[in-house]
Amino acid sequence: LDIGQSITVEQWQQDAGAAGYTARVKYRGAMWDVE
């Protein structure tokens, strides 16, 4: 049921290992890795 829910990302970080952008956000009361 989380698919389609919205989150706010303040800033992205270039992730060399994943070859993309990642961030850490608080979602549903916990910190999540976001890609």
PDB file of all heavy atoms in Angstrom:
ATOM      1  N   LEU A   1       0.797  -1.226   0.000  1.00  0.00           N
ATOM      2  CA  LEU A   1       0.000   0.000   0.000  1.00  0.00           C
ATOM      3  C   LEU A   1       0.830   1.276   0.000  1.00  0.00           C
ATOM      4  O   LEU A   1       0.283   2.371  -0.136  1.00  0.00           O
ATOM      5  CB  LEU A   1      -0.944  -0.016   1.209  1.00  0.00           C
ATOM      6  CG  LEU A   1      -1.959  -1.153   1.206  1.00  0.00           C
ATOM      7  CD1 LEU A   1      -2.802  -1.104   2.463  1.00  0.00           C
ATOM      8  CD2 LEU A   1      -2.835  -1.103  -0.025  1.00  0.00           C
ATOM      9  N   ASP A   2       2.154   1.173   0.149  1.00  0.00           N
ATOM     10  CA  ASP A   2       3.006   2.353   0.095  1.00  0.00           C
ATOM     11  C   ASP A   2       3.215   2.852  -1.331  1.00  0.00           C
ATOM     12  O   ASP A   2       3.575   4.018  -1.524  1.00  0.00           O
ATOM     13  CB  ASP A   2       4.372   2.059   0.727  1.00  0.00           C
ATOM     14  CG  ASP A   2       4.265   1.843   2.227  1.00  0.00           C
ATOM     15  OD1 ASP A   2       3.471   2.555   2.865  1.00  0.00           O
ATOM     16  OD2 ASP A   2       4.962   0.962   2.751  1.00  0.00           O
ATOM     17  N   ILE A   3       2.995   1.993  -2.317  1.00  0.00           N
ATOM     18  CA  ILE A   3       3.177   2.388  -3.714  1.00  0.00           C
ATOM     19  C   ILE A   3       2.194   3.522  -4.027  1.00  0.00           C
ATOM     20  O   ILE A   3       1.005   3.417  -3.775  1.00  0.00           O
ATOM     21  CB  ILE A   3       2.946   1.200  -4.674  1.00  0.00           C
ATOM     22  CG1 ILE A   3       3.826   0.019  -4.318  1.00  0.00           C
ATOM     23  CG2 ILE A   3       3.120   1.630  -6.127  1.00  0.00           C
ATOM     24  CD1 ILE A   3       5.294   0.256  -4.471  1.00  0.00           C
ATOM     25  N   GLY A   4       2.715   4.620  -4.570  1.00  0.00           N
ATOM     26  CA  GLY A   4       1.884   5.762  -4.913  1.00  0.00           C
ATOM     27  C   GLY A   4       1.827   6.827  -3.829  1.00  0.00           C
ATOM     28  O   GLY A   4       1.341   7.936  -4.075  1.00  0.00           O
ATOM     29  N   GLN A   5       2.332   6.531  -2.635  1.00  0.00           N
ATOM     30  CA  GLN A   5       2.345   7.524  -1.554  1.00  0.00           C
ATOM     31  C   GLN A   5       3.425   8.565  -1.832  1.00  0.00           C
ATOM     32  O   GLN A   5       4.414   8.298  -2.491  1.00  0.00           O
ATOM     33  CB  GLN A   5       2.597   6.846  -0.207  1.00  0.00           C
ATOM     34  CG  GLN A   5       1.524   5.847   0.177  1.00  0.00           C
ATOM     35  CD  GLN A   5       0.159   6.494   0.312  1.00  0.00           C
ATOM     36  OE1 GLN A   5       0.024   7.557   0.891  1.00  0.00           O
ATOM     37  NE2 GLN A   5      -0.852   5.850  -0.250  1.00  0.00           N
ATOM     38  N   SER A   6       3.224   9.745  -1.282  1.00  0.00           N
ATOM     39  CA  SER A   6       4.169  10.832  -1.549  1.00  0.00           C
ATOM     40  C   SER A   6       5.140  11.009  -0.389  1.00  0.00           C
ATOM     41  O   SER A   6       4.799  10.752   0.762  1.00  0.00           O
ATOM     42  CB  SER A   6       3.419  12.133  -1.798  1.00  0.00           C
ATOM     43  OG  SER A   6       2.695  12.491  -0.638  1.00  0.00           O
ATOM     44  N   ILE A   7       6.349  11.423  -0.730  1.00  0.00           N
ATOM     45  CA  ILE A   7       7.365  11.788   0.258  1.00  0.00           C
ATOM     46  C   ILE A   7       8.056  13.051  -0.242  1.00  0.00           C
ATOM     47  O   ILE A   7       8.019  13.368  -1.434  1.00  0.00           O
ATOM     48  CB  ILE A   7       8.408  10.668   0.492  1.00  0.00           C
ATOM     49  CG1 ILE A   7       9.177  10.355  -0.788  1.00  0.00           C
ATOM     50  CG2 ILE A   7       7.764   9.422   1.058  1.00  0.00           C
ATOM     51  CD1 ILE A   7      10.345   9.423  -0.565  1.00  0.00           C
ATOM     52  N   THR A   8       8.691  13.760   0.672  1.00  0.00           N
ATOM     53  CA  THR A   8       9.429  14.968   0.310  1.00  0.00           C
ATOM     54  C   THR A   8      10.915  14.715   0.510  1.00  0.00           C
ATOM     55  O   THR A   8      11.336  14.280   1.580  1.00  0.00           O
ATOM     56  CB  THR A   8       8.983  16.155   1.177  1.00  0.00           C
ATOM     57  OG1 THR A   8       7.580  16.339   1.012  1.00  0.00           O
ATOM     58  CG2 THR A   8       9.711  17.420   0.769  1.00  0.00           C
ATOM     59  N   VAL A   9      11.672  14.967  -0.537  1.00  0.00           N
ATOM     60  CA  VAL A   9      13.123  14.827  -0.493  1.00  0.00           C
ATOM     61  C   VAL A   9      13.714  16.222  -0.623  1.00  0.00           C
ATOM     62  O   VAL A   9      13.454  16.920  -1.611  1.00  0.00           O
ATOM     63  CB  VAL A   9      13.637  13.898  -1.613  1.00  0.00           C
ATOM     64  CG1 VAL A   9      15.153  13.814  -1.582  1.00  0.00           C
ATOM     65  CG2 VAL A   9      13.010  12.530  -1.520  1.00  0.00           C
ATOM     66  N   GLU A  10      14.497  16.615   0.390  1.00  0.00           N
ATOM     67  CA  GLU A  10      15.090  17.962   0.384  1.00  0.00           C
ATOM     68  C   GLU A  10      16.242  18.062  -0.618  1.00  0.00           C
ATOM     69  O   GLU A  10      16.315  19.004  -1.390  1.00  0.00           O
ATOM     70  CB  GLU A  10      15.582  18.322   1.784  1.00  0.00           C
ATOM     71  CG  GLU A  10      14.470  18.387   2.820  1.00  0.00           C
ATOM     72  CD  GLU A  10      13.407  19.418   2.498  1.00  0.00           C
ATOM     73  OE1 GLU A  10      13.738  20.475   1.926  1.00  0.00           O
ATOM     74  OE2 GLU A  10      12.230  19.147   2.799  1.00  0.00           O
ATOM     75  N   GLN A  11      17.156  17.088  -0.574  1.00  0.00           N
ATOM     76  CA  GLN A  11      18.284  17.122  -1.514  1.00  0.00           C
ATOM     77  C   GLN A  11      18.756  15.706  -1.810  1.00  0.00           C
ATOM     78  O   GLN A  11      18.617  14.806  -0.998  1.00  0.00           O
ATOM     79  CB  GLN A  11      19.432  17.970  -0.981  1.00  0.00           C
ATOM     80  CG  GLN A  11      20.206  17.345   0.158  1.00  0.00           C
ATOM     81  CD  GLN A  11      21.343  18.244   0.599  1.00  0.00           C
ATOM     82  OE1 GLN A  11      21.180  19.457   0.649  1.00  0.00           O
ATOM     83  NE2 GLN A  11      22.471  17.662   0.911  1.00  0.00           N
ATOM     84  N   TRP A  12      19.308  15.549  -2.991  1.00  0.00           N
ATOM     85  CA  TRP A  12      19.804  14.252  -3.452  1.00  0.00           C
ATOM     86  C   TRP A  12      21.318  14.227  -3.358  1.00  0.00           C
ATOM     87  O   TRP A  12      21.974  15.255  -3.498  1.00  0.00           O
ATOM     88  CB  TRP A  12      19.372  14.009  -4.898  1.00  0.00           C
ATOM     89  CG  TRP A  12      17.910  13.808  -5.039  1.00  0.00           C
ATOM     90  CD1 TRP A  12      16.995  14.741  -5.392  1.00  0.00           C
ATOM     91  CD2 TRP A  12      17.192  12.611  -4.799  1.00  0.00           C
ATOM     92  NE1 TRP A  12      15.747  14.195  -5.397  1.00  0.00           N
ATOM     93  CE2 TRP A  12      15.827  12.881  -5.045  1.00  0.00           C
ATOM     94  CE3 TRP A  12      17.545  11.322  -4.407  1.00  0.00           C
ATOM     95  CZ2 TRP A  12      14.837  11.926  -4.911  1.00  0.00           C
ATOM     96  CZ3 TRP A  12      16.556  10.367  -4.274  1.00  0.00           C
ATOM     97  CH2 TRP A  12      15.220  10.668  -4.516  1.00  0.00           C
ATOM     98  N   GLN A  13      21.869  13.035  -3.181  1.00  0.00           N
ATOM     99  CA  GLN A  13      23.319  12.847  -3.172  1.00  0.00           C
ATOM    100  C   GLN A  13      23.675  11.876  -4.293  1.00  0.00           C
ATOM    101  O   GLN A  13      22.994  10.854  -4.475  1.00  0.00           O
ATOM    102  CB  GLN A  13      23.781  12.264  -1.844  1.00  0.00           C
ATOM    103  CG  GLN A  13      23.459  13.129  -0.658  1.00  0.00           C
ATOM    104  CD  GLN A  13      23.673  12.390   0.648  1.00  0.00           C
ATOM    105  OE1 GLN A  13      24.012  11.218   0.668  1.00  0.00           O
ATOM    106  NE2 GLN A  13      23.465  13.098   1.743  1.00  0.00           N
ATOM    107  N   GLN A  14      24.727  12.185  -5.019  1.00  0.00           N
ATOM    108  CA  GLN A  14      25.200  11.280  -6.061  1.00  0.00           C
ATOM    109  C   GLN A  14      25.788  10.046  -5.392  1.00  0.00           C
ATOM    110  O   GLN A  14      26.678  10.159  -4.551  1.00  0.00           O
ATOM    111  CB  GLN A  14      26.258  11.967  -6.935  1.00  0.00           C
ATOM    112  CG  GLN A  14      26.822  11.099  -8.033  1.00  0.00           C
ATOM    113  CD  GLN A  14      25.837  10.884  -9.165  1.00  0.00           C
ATOM    114  OE1 GLN A  14      25.046  11.742  -9.483  1.00  0.00           O
ATOM    115  NE2 GLN A  14      25.900   9.717  -9.765  1.00  0.00           N
ATOM    116  N   ASP A  15      25.296   8.880  -5.735  1.00  0.00           N
ATOM    117  CA  ASP A  15      25.769   7.627  -5.143  1.00  0.00           C
ATOM    118  C   ASP A  15      26.612   6.904  -6.179  1.00  0.00           C
ATOM    119  O   ASP A  15      26.108   6.439  -7.190  1.00  0.00           O
ATOM    120  CB  ASP A  15      24.591   6.764  -4.706  1.00  0.00           C
ATOM    121  CG  ASP A  15      25.005   5.528  -3.940  1.00  0.00           C
ATOM    122  OD1 ASP A  15      26.202   5.414  -3.602  1.00  0.00           O
ATOM    123  OD2 ASP A  15      24.141   4.682  -3.668  1.00  0.00           O
ATOM    124  N   ALA A  16      27.900   6.796  -5.920  1.00  0.00           N
ATOM    125  CA  ALA A  16      28.820   6.171  -6.879  1.00  0.00           C
ATOM    126  C   ALA A  16      28.546   4.678  -7.015  1.00  0.00           C
ATOM    127  O   ALA A  16      28.660   4.112  -8.094  1.00  0.00           O
ATOM    128  CB  ALA A  16      30.264   6.405  -6.453  1.00  0.00           C
ATOM    129  N   GLY A  17      28.177   4.014  -5.921  1.00  0.00           N
ATOM    130  CA  GLY A  17      27.951   2.568  -5.968  1.00  0.00           C
ATOM    131  C   GLY A  17      26.706   2.194  -6.747  1.00  0.00           C
ATOM    132  O   GLY A  17      26.682   1.215  -7.476  1.00  0.00           O
ATOM    133  N   ALA A  18      25.649   2.963  -6.625  1.00  0.00           N
ATOM    134  CA  ALA A  18      24.396   2.633  -7.296  1.00  0.00           C
ATOM    135  C   ALA A  18      24.259   3.331  -8.638  1.00  0.00           C
ATOM    136  O   ALA A  18      23.296   3.097  -9.352  1.00  0.00           O
ATOM    137  CB  ALA A  18      23.214   3.015  -6.401  1.00  0.00           C
ATOM    138  N   ALA A  19      25.218   4.186  -8.975  1.00  0.00           N
ATOM    139  CA  ALA A  19      25.197   4.933 -10.239  1.00  0.00           C
ATOM    140  C   ALA A  19      23.905   5.720 -10.381  1.00  0.00           C
ATOM    141  O   ALA A  19      23.270   5.741 -11.413  1.00  0.00           O
ATOM    142  CB  ALA A  19      25.403   4.002 -11.434  1.00  0.00           C
ATOM    143  N   GLY A  20      23.503   6.373  -9.302  1.00  0.00           N
ATOM    144  CA  GLY A  20      22.294   7.184  -9.324  1.00  0.00           C
ATOM    145  C   GLY A  20      22.277   8.121  -8.139  1.00  0.00           C
ATOM    146  O   GLY A  20      23.312   8.403  -7.536  1.00  0.00           O
ATOM    147  N   TYR A  21      21.106   8.596  -7.802  1.00  0.00           N
ATOM    148  CA  TYR A  21      20.957   9.532  -6.697  1.00  0.00           C
ATOM    149  C   TYR A  21      20.236   8.848  -5.542  1.00  0.00           C
ATOM    150  O   TYR A  21      19.279   8.105  -5.751  1.00  0.00           O
ATOM    151  CB  TYR A  21      20.168  10.759  -7.146  1.00  0.00           C
ATOM    152  CG  TYR A  21      20.929  11.612  -8.113  1.00  0.00           C
ATOM    153  CD1 TYR A  21      20.792  11.438  -9.482  1.00  0.00           C
ATOM    154  CD2 TYR A  21      21.788  12.600  -7.648  1.00  0.00           C
ATOM    155  CE1 TYR A  21      21.497  12.235 -10.373  1.00  0.00           C
ATOM    156  CE2 TYR A  21      22.490  13.395  -8.533  1.00  0.00           C
ATOM    157  CZ  TYR A  21      22.341  13.204  -9.880  1.00  0.00           C
ATOM    158  OH  TYR A  21      23.043  13.990 -10.760  1.00  0.00           O
ATOM    159  N   THR A  22      20.692   9.132  -4.321  1.00  0.00           N
ATOM    160  CA  THR A  22      20.076   8.568  -3.121  1.00  0.00           C
ATOM    161  C   THR A  22      19.843   9.678  -2.109  1.00  0.00           C
ATOM    162  O   THR A  22      20.406  10.770  -2.218  1.00  0.00           O
ATOM    163  CB  THR A  22      20.960   7.482  -2.481  1.00  0.00           C
ATOM    164  OG1 THR A  22      22.196   8.054  -2.106  1.00  0.00           O
ATOM    165  CG2 THR A  22      21.169   6.314  -3.419  1.00  0.00           C
ATOM    166  N   ALA A  23      19.020   9.363  -1.123  1.00  0.00           N
ATOM    167  CA  ALA A  23      18.747  10.298  -0.031  1.00  0.00           C
ATOM    168  C   ALA A  23      18.231   9.502   1.159  1.00  0.00           C
ATOM    169  O   ALA A  23      17.946   8.304   1.050  1.00  0.00           O
ATOM    170  CB  ALA A  23      17.715  11.337  -0.467  1.00  0.00           C
ATOM    171  N   ARG A  24      18.139  10.159   2.304  1.00  0.00           N
ATOM    172  CA  ARG A  24      17.537   9.576   3.508  1.00  0.00           C
ATOM    173  C   ARG A  24      16.365  10.473   3.884  1.00  0.00           C
ATOM    174  O   ARG A  24      16.514  11.692   3.991  1.00  0.00           O
ATOM    175  CB  ARG A  24      18.523   9.539   4.667  1.00  0.00           C
ATOM    176  CG  ARG A  24      19.691   8.638   4.516  1.00  0.00           C
ATOM    177  CD  ARG A  24      19.506   7.226   4.951  1.00  0.00           C
ATOM    178  NE  ARG A  24      19.244   7.087   6.384  1.00  0.00           N
ATOM    179  CZ  ARG A  24      18.740   5.973   6.896  1.00  0.00           C
ATOM    180  NH1 ARG A  24      18.443   4.972   6.114  1.00  0.00           N
ATOM    181  NH2 ARG A  24      18.526   5.865   8.182  1.00  0.00           N
ATOM    182  N   VAL A  25      15.200   9.879   4.058  1.00  0.00           N
ATOM    183  CA  VAL A  25      14.017  10.649   4.438  1.00  0.00           C
ATOM    184  C   VAL A  25      13.274   9.934   5.555  1.00  0.00           C
ATOM    185  O   VAL A  25      13.420   8.717   5.742  1.00  0.00           O
ATOM    186  CB  VAL A  25      13.057  10.863   3.247  1.00  0.00           C
ATOM    187  CG1 VAL A  25      13.720  11.651   2.147  1.00  0.00           C
ATOM    188  CG2 VAL A  25      12.518   9.562   2.730  1.00  0.00           C
ATOM    189  N   LYS A  26      12.478  10.694   6.260  1.00  0.00           N
ATOM    190  CA  LYS A  26      11.625  10.129   7.291  1.00  0.00           C
ATOM    191  C   LYS A  26      10.263   9.833   6.653  1.00  0.00           C
ATOM    192  O   LYS A  26       9.638  10.723   6.064  1.00  0.00           O
ATOM    193  CB  LYS A  26      11.473  11.089   8.461  1.00  0.00           C
ATOM    194  CG  LYS A  26      10.796  10.462   9.640  1.00  0.00           C
ATOM    195  CD  LYS A  26      10.957  11.316  10.872  1.00  0.00           C
ATOM    196  CE  LYS A  26      10.440  10.527  12.055  1.00  0.00           C
ATOM    197  NZ  LYS A  26      10.864  11.079  13.310  1.00  0.00           N
ATOM    198  N   TYR A  27       9.852   8.580   6.745  1.00  0.00           N
ATOM    199  CA  TYR A  27       8.578   8.155   6.167  1.00  0.00           C
ATOM    200  C   TYR A  27       7.939   7.172   7.138  1.00  0.00           C
ATOM    201  O   TYR A  27       8.587   6.231   7.573  1.00  0.00           O
ATOM    202  CB  TYR A  27       8.810   7.509   4.787  1.00  0.00           C
ATOM    203  CG  TYR A  27       7.567   6.907   4.170  1.00  0.00           C
ATOM    204  CD1 TYR A  27       6.497   7.710   3.799  1.00  0.00           C
ATOM    205  CD2 TYR A  27       7.467   5.540   3.967  1.00  0.00           C
ATOM    206  CE1 TYR A  27       5.361   7.160   3.240  1.00  0.00           C
ATOM    207  CE2 TYR A  27       6.335   4.988   3.407  1.00  0.00           C
ATOM    208  CZ  TYR A  27       5.286   5.801   3.045  1.00  0.00           C
ATOM    209  OH  TYR A  27       4.160   5.255   2.499  1.00  0.00           O
ATOM    210  N   ARG A  28       6.721   7.415   7.513  1.00  0.00           N
ATOM    211  CA  ARG A  28       5.973   6.594   8.470  1.00  0.00           C
ATOM    212  C   ARG A  28       6.718   6.425   9.791  1.00  0.00           C
ATOM    213  O   ARG A  28       6.743   5.357  10.382  1.00  0.00           O
ATOM    214  CB  ARG A  28       5.631   5.225   7.881  1.00  0.00           C
ATOM    215  CG  ARG A  28       4.620   5.292   6.770  1.00  0.00           C
ATOM    216  CD  ARG A  28       4.104   3.941   6.374  1.00  0.00           C
ATOM    217  NE  ARG A  28       5.152   3.043   5.963  1.00  0.00           N
ATOM    218  CZ  ARG A  28       5.178   1.747   6.243  1.00  0.00           C
ATOM    219  NH1 ARG A  28       4.213   1.206   6.932  1.00  0.00           N
ATOM    220  NH2 ARG A  28       6.172   0.996   5.829  1.00  0.00           N
ATOM    221  N   GLY A  29       7.363   7.474  10.245  1.00  0.00           N
ATOM    222  CA  GLY A  29       8.011   7.460  11.538  1.00  0.00           C
ATOM    223  C   GLY A  29       9.382   6.813  11.580  1.00  0.00           C
ATOM    224  O   GLY A  29       9.927   6.600  12.655  1.00  0.00           O
ATOM    225  N   ALA A  30       9.945   6.469  10.432  1.00  0.00           N
ATOM    226  CA  ALA A  30      11.270   5.833  10.396  1.00  0.00           C
ATOM    227  C   ALA A  30      12.089   6.432   9.261  1.00  0.00           C
ATOM    228  O   ALA A  30      11.547   7.002   8.315  1.00  0.00           O
ATOM    229  CB  ALA A  30      11.133   4.324  10.188  1.00  0.00           C
ATOM    230  N   MET A  31      13.400   6.293   9.382  1.00  0.00           N
ATOM    231  CA  MET A  31      14.294   6.771   8.331  1.00  0.00           C
ATOM    232  C   MET A  31      14.419   5.692   7.249  1.00  0.00           C
ATOM    233  O   MET A  31      14.634   4.520   7.557  1.00  0.00           O
ATOM    234  CB  MET A  31      15.671   7.108   8.892  1.00  0.00           C
ATOM    235  CG  MET A  31      15.665   8.286   9.858  1.00  0.00           C
ATOM    236  SD  MET A  31      15.031   9.802   9.130  1.00  0.00           S
ATOM    237  CE  MET A  31      16.362  10.237   8.037  1.00  0.00           C
ATOM    238  N   TRP A  32      14.280   6.110   6.005  1.00  0.00           N
ATOM    239  CA  TRP A  32      14.345   5.200   4.863  1.00  0.00           C
ATOM    240  C   TRP A  32      15.425   5.662   3.897  1.00  0.00           C
ATOM    241  O   TRP A  32      15.649   6.857   3.723  1.00  0.00           O
ATOM    242  CB  TRP A  32      13.010   5.188   4.117  1.00  0.00           C
ATOM    243  CG  TRP A  32      11.899   4.501   4.815  1.00  0.00           C
ATOM    244  CD1 TRP A  32      11.193   4.963   5.893  1.00  0.00           C
ATOM    245  CD2 TRP A  32      11.342   3.241   4.475  1.00  0.00           C
ATOM    246  NE1 TRP A  32      10.224   4.060   6.233  1.00  0.00           N
ATOM    247  CE2 TRP A  32      10.291   2.987   5.379  1.00  0.00           C
ATOM    248  CE3 TRP A  32      11.617   2.294   3.499  1.00  0.00           C
ATOM    249  CZ2 TRP A  32       9.525   1.837   5.339  1.00  0.00           C
ATOM    250  CZ3 TRP A  32      10.849   1.146   3.448  1.00  0.00           C
ATOM    251  CH2 TRP A  32       9.825   0.922   4.360  1.00  0.00           C
ATOM    252  N   ASP A  33      16.049   4.695   3.230  1.00  0.00           N
ATOM    253  CA  ASP A  33      16.911   4.994   2.093  1.00  0.00           C
ATOM    254  C   ASP A  33      16.012   5.184   0.888  1.00  0.00           C
ATOM    255  O   ASP A  33      15.087   4.405   0.656  1.00  0.00           O
ATOM    256  CB  ASP A  33      17.887   3.850   1.819  1.00  0.00           C
ATOM    257  CG  ASP A  33      18.935   3.715   2.905  1.00  0.00           C
ATOM    258  OD1 ASP A  33      19.313   4.746   3.482  1.00  0.00           O
ATOM    259  OD2 ASP A  33      19.367   2.580   3.169  1.00  0.00           O
ATOM    260  N   VAL A  34      16.286   6.219   0.131  1.00  0.00           N
ATOM    261  CA  VAL A  34      15.478   6.536  -1.044  1.00  0.00           C
ATOM    262  C   VAL A  34      16.398   6.572  -2.253  1.00  0.00           C
ATOM    263  O   VAL A  34      17.494   7.141  -2.206  1.00  0.00           O
ATOM    264  CB  VAL A  34      14.762   7.891  -0.881  1.00  0.00           C
ATOM    265  CG1 VAL A  34      13.953   8.228  -2.113  1.00  0.00           C
ATOM    266  CG2 VAL A  34      13.873   7.879   0.344  1.00  0.00           C
ATOM    267  N   GLU A  35      15.941   5.949  -3.335  1.00  0.00           N
ATOM    268  CA  GLU A  35      16.698   5.963  -4.589  1.00  0.00           C
ATOM    269  C   GLU A  35      15.829   6.591  -5.660  1.00  0.00           C
ATOM    270  O   GLU A  35      14.634   6.319  -5.739  1.00  0.00           O
ATOM    271  CB  GLU A  35      17.072   4.537  -4.973  1.00  0.00           C
ATOM    272  CG  GLU A  35      17.903   4.424  -6.221  1.00  0.00           C
ATOM    273  CD  GLU A  35      18.257   2.976  -6.544  1.00  0.00           C
ATOM    274  OE1 GLU A  35      18.483   2.190  -5.608  1.00  0.00           O
ATOM    275  OE2 GLU A  35      18.283   2.646  -7.751  1.00  0.00           O
TER     276      GLU A  35
END
